[in-house]
C-alpha atoms as a PDB file:
ATOM      1  CA  MET A   1      -4.419  -2.250  -2.444  1.00  0.00           C
ATOM      2  CA  VAL A   2      -3.939  -1.126  -6.056  1.00  0.00           C
ATOM      3  CA  GLU A   3      -3.726  -3.584  -8.829  1.00  0.00           C
ATOM      4  CA  ASP A   4      -5.165  -3.279 -12.478  1.00  0.00           C
ATOM      5  CA  GLU A   5      -5.013  -7.172 -12.938  1.00  0.00           C
ATOM      6  CA  PRO A   6      -8.568  -8.564 -11.590  1.00  0.00           C
ATOM      7  CA  LEU A   7      -7.217 -11.920 -10.638  1.00  0.00           C
ATOM      8  CA  ILE A   8      -4.362 -10.895  -8.557  1.00  0.00           C
ATOM      9  CA  ARG A   9      -6.547  -7.909  -7.089  1.00  0.00           C
ATOM     10  CA  ARG A  10      -8.837 -10.450  -5.797  1.00  0.00           C
ATOM     11  CA  PHE A  11      -6.079 -12.895  -4.669  1.00  0.00           C
ATOM     12  CA  THR A  12      -4.328  -9.974  -2.639  1.00  0.00           C
ATOM     13  CA  THR A  13      -7.632  -8.766  -1.103  1.00  0.00           C
ATOM     14  CA  LYS A  14      -9.072 -11.700   0.009  1.00  0.00           C
ATOM     15  CA  ALA A  15      -5.757 -12.962   1.556  1.00  0.00           C
ATOM     16  CA  LEU A  16      -5.477  -9.607   3.437  1.00  0.00           C
ATOM     17  CA  ILE A  17      -8.997  -9.775   4.474  1.00  0.00           C
ATOM     18  CA  ARG A  18      -8.684 -13.336   6.054  1.00  0.00           C
ATOM     19  CA  SER A  19      -5.627 -11.982   7.877  1.00  0.00           C
ATOM     20  CA  GLY A  20      -7.789  -9.492   9.658  1.00  0.00           C
ATOM     21  CA  TYR A  21      -6.914  -6.435   7.622  1.00  0.00           C
ATOM     22  CA  HIS A  22      -9.752  -3.960   6.120  1.00  0.00           C
ATOM     23  CA  VAL A  23      -8.863  -3.671   2.703  1.00  0.00           C
ATOM     24  CA  ASP A  24      -9.954  -1.188   0.041  1.00  0.00           C
ATOM     25  CA  ALA A  25      -9.094  -2.306  -3.474  1.00  0.00           C
ATOM     26  CA  ALA A  26      -8.428   0.098  -6.543  1.00  0.00           C
ATOM     27  CA  GLU A  27      -8.002  -1.108 -10.151  1.00  0.00           C
ATOM     28  CA  ASP A  28      -5.778   1.846 -11.200  1.00  0.00           C
ATOM     29  CA  GLY A  29      -3.573   4.477  -9.739  1.00  0.00           C
ATOM     30  CA  ALA A  30      -6.045   7.213 -10.460  1.00  0.00           C
ATOM     31  CA  SER A  31      -8.845   5.364  -8.325  1.00  0.00           C
ATOM     32  CA  ALA A  32      -6.141   4.826  -5.574  1.00  0.00           C
ATOM     33  CA  TRP A  33      -5.154   8.482  -5.600  1.00  0.00           C
ATOM     34  CA  ASP A  34      -8.950   9.390  -5.108  1.00  0.00           C
ATOM     35  CA  ALA A  35      -9.523   7.113  -2.372  1.00  0.00           C
ATOM     36  CA  LEU A  36      -6.283   8.390  -0.643  1.00  0.00           C
ATOM     37  CA  GLN A  37      -7.725  11.809  -0.629  1.00  0.00           C
ATOM     38  CA  HIS A  38     -10.700  10.680   1.311  1.00  0.00           C
ATOM     39  CA  ASN A  39      -9.775   7.796   3.726  1.00  0.00           C
ATOM     40  CA  ARG A  40      -6.862   7.307   6.145  1.00  0.00           C
ATOM     41  CA  TYR A  41      -4.674   4.269   5.481  1.00  0.00           C
ATOM     42  CA  ASP A  42      -2.089   2.275   7.363  1.00  0.00           C
ATOM     43  CA  LEU A  43      -0.347   0.817   4.159  1.00  0.00           C
ATOM     44  CA  LEU A  44      -0.408   1.128   0.379  1.00  0.00           C
ATOM     45  CA  ILE A  45       0.272  -1.927  -1.743  1.00  0.00           C
ATOM     46  CA  THR A  46       0.454  -0.852  -5.140  1.00  0.00           C
ATOM     47  CA  ASP A  47       1.363  -2.553  -8.656  1.00  0.00           C
ATOM     48  CA  HIS A  48       3.787  -0.229 -10.879  1.00  0.00           C
ATOM     49  CA  HIS A  49       2.493  -0.900 -14.470  1.00  0.00           C
ATOM     50  CA  MET A  50      -1.038   0.471 -14.398  1.00  0.00           C
ATOM     51  CA  PRO A  51      -3.143   2.419 -16.664  1.00  0.00           C
ATOM     52  CA  LYS A  52      -3.866   6.209 -15.918  1.00  0.00           C
ATOM     53  CA  VAL A  53      -1.536   6.658 -12.875  1.00  0.00           C
ATOM     54  CA  SER A  54       1.595   4.388 -12.608  1.00  0.00           C
ATOM     55  CA  GLY A  55       2.630   2.928  -9.242  1.00  0.00           C
ATOM     56  CA  MET A  56       5.614   5.047  -9.419  1.00  0.00           C
ATOM     57  CA  GLU A  57       3.497   8.213 -10.443  1.00  0.00           C
ATOM     58  CA  LEU A  58       1.219   7.434  -7.296  1.00  0.00           C
ATOM     59  CA  LEU A  59       4.742   7.516  -5.260  1.00  0.00           C
ATOM     60  CA  LYS A  60       5.370  10.955  -6.725  1.00  0.00           C
ATOM     61  CA  LYS A  61       2.140  12.205  -5.698  1.00  0.00           C
ATOM     62  CA  LEU A  62       2.369  10.933  -2.168  1.00  0.00           C
ATOM     63  CA  HIS A  63       5.840  12.321  -1.807  1.00  0.00           C
ATOM     64  CA  ALA A  64       4.685  15.918  -3.458  1.00  0.00           C
ATOM     65  CA  THR A  65       1.778  16.144  -0.914  1.00  0.00           C
ATOM     66  CA  ARG A  66       3.819  14.822   2.044  1.00  0.00           C
ATOM     67  CA  MET A  67       1.416  12.076   2.793  1.00  0.00           C
ATOM     68  CA  ALA A  68       3.128   9.740   5.310  1.00  0.00           C
ATOM     69  CA  LEU A  69       2.312   6.296   4.226  1.00  0.00           C
ATOM     70  CA  PRO A  70       4.320   3.203   4.107  1.00  0.00           C
ATOM     71  CA  ILE A  71       4.207   1.687   0.512  1.00  0.00           C
ATOM     72  CA  ILE A  72       4.694  -1.795  -0.670  1.00  0.00           C
ATOM     73  CA  MET A  73       5.254  -1.986  -4.479  1.00  0.00           C
ATOM     74  CA  ALA A  74       4.171  -5.173  -6.032  1.00  0.00           C
ATOM     75  CA  THR A  75       5.816  -5.572  -9.515  1.00  0.00           C
ATOM     76  CA  GLU A  76       7.226  -8.001 -11.985  1.00  0.00           C
ATOM     77  CA  THR A  77      10.114  -5.574 -12.819  1.00  0.00           C
ATOM     78  CA  LEU A  78      11.666  -2.998 -10.385  1.00  0.00           C
ATOM     79  CA  PRO A  79      11.526   0.315 -11.768  1.00  0.00           C
ATOM     80  CA  ALA A  80      15.470   0.621 -10.973  1.00  0.00           C
ATOM     81  CA  ARG A  81      16.137   3.597 -13.506  1.00  0.00           C
ATOM     82  CA  GLU A  82      13.414   5.693 -11.738  1.00  0.00           C
ATOM     83  CA  PHE A  83      14.417   4.711  -8.051  1.00  0.00           C
ATOM     84  CA  ALA A  84      17.979   5.771  -8.966  1.00  0.00           C
ATOM     85  CA  ALA A  85      16.921   8.875 -10.155  1.00  0.00           C
ATOM     86  CA  HIS A  86      14.402   9.558  -7.371  1.00  0.00           C
ATOM     87  CA  PRO A  87      15.787   7.488  -4.264  1.00  0.00           C
ATOM     88  CA  TRP A  88      13.584   9.380  -1.638  1.00  0.00           C
ATOM     89  CA  LEU A  89      10.901   7.593  -3.479  1.00  0.00           C
ATOM     90  CA  LEU A  90      11.992   3.970  -2.684  1.00  0.00           C
ATOM     91  CA  PRO A  91       9.061   2.012  -0.953  1.00  0.00           C
ATOM     92  CA  ALA A  92       9.394   0.512   2.421  1.00  0.00           C
ATOM     93  CA  GLY A  93       8.862  -2.966   0.885  1.00  0.00           C
ATOM     94  CA  MET A  94       9.167  -5.000  -2.558  1.00  0.00           C
ATOM     95  CA  LEU A  95       6.897  -7.505  -3.527  1.00  0.00           C
ATOM     96  CA  PHE A  96       7.899  -9.380  -6.678  1.00  0.00           C
ATOM     97  CA  LYS A  97       5.468 -10.978  -8.932  1.00  0.00           C
ATOM     98  CA  PRO A  98       4.200 -13.700  -8.898  1.00  0.00           C
ATOM     99  CA  TYR A  99       4.089 -13.913  -5.111  1.00  0.00           C
ATOM    100  CA  ASN A 100       2.179 -16.485  -2.904  1.00  0.00           C
ATOM    101  CA  PHE A 101       0.197 -15.886   0.413  1.00  0.00           C
ATOM    102  CA  ASP A 102       3.217 -16.383   2.607  1.00  0.00           C
ATOM    103  CA  GLU A 103       5.392 -13.793   0.908  1.00  0.00           C
ATOM    104  CA  LEU A 104       2.447 -11.258   0.727  1.00  0.00           C
ATOM    105  CA  LEU A 105       1.864 -11.380   4.437  1.00  0.00           C
ATOM    106  CA  GLY A 106       5.512 -11.667   5.171  1.00  0.00           C
ATOM    107  CA  ILE A 107       6.277  -8.371   3.638  1.00  0.00           C
ATOM    108  CA  VAL A 108       2.965  -6.683   4.998  1.00  0.00           C
ATOM    109  CA  LYS A 109       3.772  -7.790   8.689  1.00  0.00           C
ATOM    110  CA  GLU A 110       7.537  -6.789   8.105  1.00  0.00           C
ATOM    111  CA  VAL A 111       6.685  -3.316   6.986  1.00  0.00           C
ATOM    112  CA  LEU A 112       3.651  -2.696   9.463  1.00  0.00           C
ATOM    113  CA  GLY A 113       5.956  -3.804  12.257  1.00  0.00           C
ATOM    114  CA  ALA A 114       8.660  -1.336  11.120  1.00  0.00           C
ATOM    115  CA  THR A 115       6.304   1.514  10.901  1.00  0.00           C
ATOM    116  CA  ALA A 116       4.343   0.756  14.276  1.00  0.00           C
ATOM    117  CA  SER A 117       5.825   3.507  16.307  1.00  0.00           C
ATOM    118  CA  VAL A 118       5.107   6.108  13.472  1.00  0.00           C
ATOM    119  CA  ARG A 119       1.397   4.976  13.287  1.00  0.00           C
ATOM    120  CA  GLU A 120       1.405   4.979  17.354  1.00  0.00           C
ATOM    121  CA  GLU A 121       2.592   8.568  17.514  1.00  0.00           C
ATOM    122  CA  ASN A 122      -0.105   9.606  14.849  1.00  0.00           C
ATOM    123  CA  ALA A 123      -2.794   7.395  16.065  1.00  0.00           C
ATOM    124  CA  PRO A 124      -6.385   8.950  16.170  1.00  0.00           C
ATOM    125  CA  PRO A 125      -8.104   9.878  19.494  1.00  0.00           C
ATOM    126  CA  PRO A 126      -9.758   7.203  21.324  1.00  0.00           C
ATOM    127  CA  GLU A 127     -13.190   8.812  20.431  1.00  0.00           C
ATOM    128  CA  TRP A 128     -12.708   7.988  16.763  1.00  0.00           C
ATOM    129  CA  GLN A 129     -14.502   4.646  17.072  1.00  0.00           C
ATOM    130  CA  SER A 130     -14.873   3.992  13.035  1.00  0.00           C
ATOM    131  CA  GLN A 131     -11.176   3.742  12.860  1.00  0.00           C
ATOM    132  CA  PRO A 132     -10.024   0.259  12.351  1.00  0.00           C
ATOM    133  CA  THR A 133      -8.484  -1.561  15.451  1.00  0.00           C
ATOM    134  CA  ALA A 134      -5.122  -2.934  15.421  1.00  0.00           C
ATOM    135  CA  MET A 135      -6.039  -6.314  14.251  1.00  0.00           C
ATOM    136  CA  GLY A 136      -7.984  -4.435  11.447  1.00  0.00           C
ATOM    137  CA  LEU A 137      -5.404  -2.025   9.969  1.00  0.00           C
ATOM    138  CA  ARG A 138      -6.660  -0.311   6.811  1.00  0.00           C
ATOM    139  CA  LEU A 139      -4.829  -1.312   3.652  1.00  0.00           C
END
């Protein structure tokens, strides 16, 4: 979960944890990129307007490294011009701010449900006990 606004980051993180997800939170795109290099995630929720590395720049980095990861962009304004120029960067879901608990969980479940077969195909071997269970997907 990547969000530069502390209150939104806390709200989103707590809501997802209470719903059974394991959540790592980053305050900017640069911190998120570092975490993505060292951890395996099932979903990325990112803001668009952030310092250091924007949400769009983060999408470009993921695409350039062929990192297969469903993404939800949470933003006040859709970067429509950038998506028109780079349609392959469209995230799996959009969440418009301000959002509430039901909207957040709805889009998370929708995106995770749509990508469930891909996660099953790429699931770690059973001996990897440190990986989260299905109820504890890592976001």
